[in-house]
Amino acid sequence: MHHHFCETVELMIVGSSEFNKILETCGDHHPKFHISESRGYSNRAEMFKHSNYIENQQYIEYAHAYTKYGDIMVEAKMKNLSSEKLFKNFLILDQK
């Protein structure tokens, strides 16, 4: 998810042709999606740098849609704390 955004500056939407191609290549394997919030957007190098946490609520909701199709792997400086925080956000979204 993160690398796709850095390369295209577009989010890959669940159900899009690109998303479906990824699922097809996984076959019987459970896919893993990498999520990271960029540290900055002023230039390409900043976009590839991982922030400490994933805090953008719209991005959290976007990533939540992926949980129905595979595992989410967090790429963040505060990896364990960020994963825990993201999981709690997902639980809240599951209750909506």
C-alpha atoms as a PDB file:
ATOM      1  CA  MET A   1       0.000   0.000   0.000  1.00  0.00           C
ATOM      2  CA  HIS A   2       2.695   2.459   1.060  1.00  0.00           C
ATOM      3  CA  HIS A   3       5.080   1.702  -1.807  1.00  0.00           C
ATOM      4  CA  HIS A   4       2.266   1.863  -4.343  1.00  0.00           C
ATOM      5  CA  PHE A   5       1.383   5.326  -3.049  1.00  0.00           C
ATOM      6  CA  CYS A   6       5.006   6.488  -3.178  1.00  0.00           C
ATOM      7  CA  GLU A   7       5.384   5.290  -6.763  1.00  0.00           C
ATOM      8  CA  THR A   8       2.041   6.519  -8.120  1.00  0.00           C
ATOM      9  CA  VAL A   9       0.868   9.136  -5.574  1.00  0.00           C
ATOM     10  CA  GLU A  10      -2.450   7.281  -5.620  1.00  0.00           C
ATOM     11  CA  LEU A  11      -4.129   5.000  -3.133  1.00  0.00           C
ATOM     12  CA  MET A  12      -4.831   1.469  -4.327  1.00  0.00           C
ATOM     13  CA  ILE A  13      -8.541   0.947  -3.778  1.00  0.00           C
ATOM     14  CA  VAL A  14      -9.967  -2.424  -2.734  1.00  0.00           C
ATOM     15  CA  GLY A  15     -11.614  -3.946  -5.805  1.00  0.00           C
ATOM     16  CA  SER A  16      -9.514  -1.997  -8.314  1.00  0.00           C
ATOM     17  CA  SER A  17      -7.849  -3.918 -11.133  1.00  0.00           C
ATOM     18  CA  GLU A  18      -4.431  -3.439  -9.485  1.00  0.00           C
ATOM     19  CA  PHE A  19      -5.727  -4.731  -6.165  1.00  0.00           C
ATOM     20  CA  ASN A  20      -7.338  -7.750  -7.828  1.00  0.00           C
ATOM     21  CA  LYS A  21      -4.075  -8.559  -9.654  1.00  0.00           C
ATOM     22  CA  ILE A  22      -2.282  -8.666  -6.303  1.00  0.00           C
ATOM     23  CA  LEU A  23      -4.853 -11.068  -4.883  1.00  0.00           C
ATOM     24  CA  GLU A  24      -4.592 -13.266  -7.987  1.00  0.00           C
ATOM     25  CA  THR A  25      -0.812 -13.554  -7.656  1.00  0.00           C
ATOM     26  CA  CYS A  26      -1.185 -14.709  -4.034  1.00  0.00           C
ATOM     27  CA  GLY A  27      -3.083 -17.835  -5.041  1.00  0.00           C
ATOM     28  CA  ASP A  28      -3.834 -19.847  -1.902  1.00  0.00           C
ATOM     29  CA  HIS A  29      -1.479 -17.742   0.230  1.00  0.00           C
ATOM     30  CA  HIS A  30      -2.816 -15.165   2.668  1.00  0.00           C
ATOM     31  CA  PRO A  31      -1.613 -11.741   1.418  1.00  0.00           C
ATOM     32  CA  LYS A  32       0.257  -9.258   3.584  1.00  0.00           C
ATOM     33  CA  PHE A  33      -0.234  -5.553   2.984  1.00  0.00           C
ATOM     34  CA  HIS A  34       2.359  -3.065   4.205  1.00  0.00           C
ATOM     35  CA  ILE A  35       1.002   0.160   5.613  1.00  0.00           C
ATOM     36  CA  SER A  36       2.985   3.248   6.491  1.00  0.00           C
ATOM     37  CA  GLU A  37       2.271   6.914   6.766  1.00  0.00           C
ATOM     38  CA  SER A  38       4.861   9.036   5.003  1.00  0.00           C
ATOM     39  CA  ARG A  39       6.905  11.376   7.145  1.00  0.00           C
ATOM     40  CA  GLY A  40       6.455  14.181   4.654  1.00  0.00           C
ATOM     41  CA  TYR A  41       5.247  15.024   1.172  1.00  0.00           C
ATOM     42  CA  SER A  42       7.561  17.850   0.130  1.00  0.00           C
ATOM     43  CA  ASN A  43       9.655  15.557  -2.088  1.00  0.00           C
ATOM     44  CA  ARG A  44       9.962  11.942  -3.197  1.00  0.00           C
ATOM     45  CA  ALA A  45      12.595  11.044  -0.595  1.00  0.00           C
ATOM     46  CA  GLU A  46      10.353  12.298   2.224  1.00  0.00           C
ATOM     47  CA  MET A  47       7.444  10.211   0.957  1.00  0.00           C
ATOM     48  CA  PHE A  48       9.444   6.987   1.367  1.00  0.00           C
ATOM     49  CA  LYS A  49      10.404   7.798   4.969  1.00  0.00           C
ATOM     50  CA  HIS A  50       8.185   6.181   7.566  1.00  0.00           C
ATOM     51  CA  SER A  51       6.517   8.243  10.260  1.00  0.00           C
ATOM     52  CA  ASN A  52       6.564   7.232  13.922  1.00  0.00           C
ATOM     53  CA  TYR A  53       2.889   6.270  13.934  1.00  0.00           C
ATOM     54  CA  ILE A  54      -0.054   5.908  11.580  1.00  0.00           C
ATOM     55  CA  GLU A  55      -2.359   8.683  12.730  1.00  0.00           C
ATOM     56  CA  ASN A  56      -4.238   9.976   9.704  1.00  0.00           C
ATOM     57  CA  GLN A  57      -7.824   8.852  10.306  1.00  0.00           C
ATOM     58  CA  GLN A  58      -8.727   8.724   6.608  1.00  0.00           C
ATOM     59  CA  TYR A  59      -5.700   6.532   5.935  1.00  0.00           C
ATOM     60  CA  ILE A  60      -6.619   4.283   8.877  1.00  0.00           C
ATOM     61  CA  GLU A  61     -10.108   3.823   7.423  1.00  0.00           C
ATOM     62  CA  TYR A  62      -8.609   3.146   3.995  1.00  0.00           C
ATOM     63  CA  ALA A  63      -6.280   0.491   5.453  1.00  0.00           C
ATOM     64  CA  HIS A  64      -9.117  -1.058   7.445  1.00  0.00           C
ATOM     65  CA  ALA A  65     -10.784  -2.101   4.169  1.00  0.00           C
ATOM     66  CA  TYR A  66      -7.749  -4.295   3.449  1.00  0.00           C
ATOM     67  CA  THR A  67      -8.210  -6.350   6.627  1.00  0.00           C
ATOM     68  CA  LYS A  68     -10.923  -8.399   4.922  1.00  0.00           C
ATOM     69  CA  TYR A  69      -8.402  -9.630   2.339  1.00  0.00           C
ATOM     70  CA  GLY A  70      -5.125 -10.115   4.212  1.00  0.00           C
ATOM     71  CA  ASP A  71      -2.867  -9.151   7.068  1.00  0.00           C
ATOM     72  CA  ILE A  72      -1.694  -5.605   7.674  1.00  0.00           C
ATOM     73  CA  MET A  73       1.996  -5.122   8.410  1.00  0.00           C
ATOM     74  CA  VAL A  74       2.922  -1.783   9.959  1.00  0.00           C
ATOM     75  CA  GLU A  75       6.032   0.012   8.813  1.00  0.00           C
ATOM     76  CA  ALA A  76       6.659   2.771  11.355  1.00  0.00           C
ATOM     77  CA  LYS A  77       9.483   3.980  13.556  1.00  0.00           C
ATOM     78  CA  MET A  78       7.464   3.049  16.656  1.00  0.00           C
ATOM     79  CA  LYS A  79       6.469  -0.289  15.091  1.00  0.00           C
ATOM     80  CA  ASN A  80       4.980  -2.142  18.089  1.00  0.00           C
ATOM     81  CA  LEU A  81       3.219   0.852  19.608  1.00  0.00           C
ATOM     82  CA  SER A  82       1.950   1.932  16.204  1.00  0.00           C
ATOM     83  CA  SER A  83       0.652  -1.592  15.475  1.00  0.00           C
ATOM     84  CA  GLU A  84      -1.198  -1.649  18.790  1.00  0.00           C
ATOM     85  CA  LYS A  85      -2.708   1.784  18.186  1.00  0.00           C
ATOM     86  CA  LEU A  86      -3.766   0.821  14.645  1.00  0.00           C
ATOM     87  CA  PHE A  87      -5.361  -2.415  15.904  1.00  0.00           C
ATOM     88  CA  LYS A  88      -7.401  -0.429  18.454  1.00  0.00           C
ATOM     89  CA  ASN A  89      -8.548   1.900  15.676  1.00  0.00           C
ATOM     90  CA  PHE A  90      -9.568  -1.121  13.594  1.00  0.00           C
ATOM     91  CA  LEU A  91     -11.600  -2.493  16.520  1.00  0.00           C
ATOM     92  CA  ILE A  92     -13.470   0.814  16.767  1.00  0.00           C
ATOM     93  CA  LEU A  93     -14.157   0.757  13.015  1.00  0.00           C
ATOM     94  CA  ASP A  94     -15.391  -2.853  13.278  1.00  0.00           C
ATOM     95  CA  GLN A  95     -18.068  -1.685  15.729  1.00  0.00           C
ATOM     96  CA  LYS A  96     -19.464   0.954  13.355  1.00  0.00           C
END
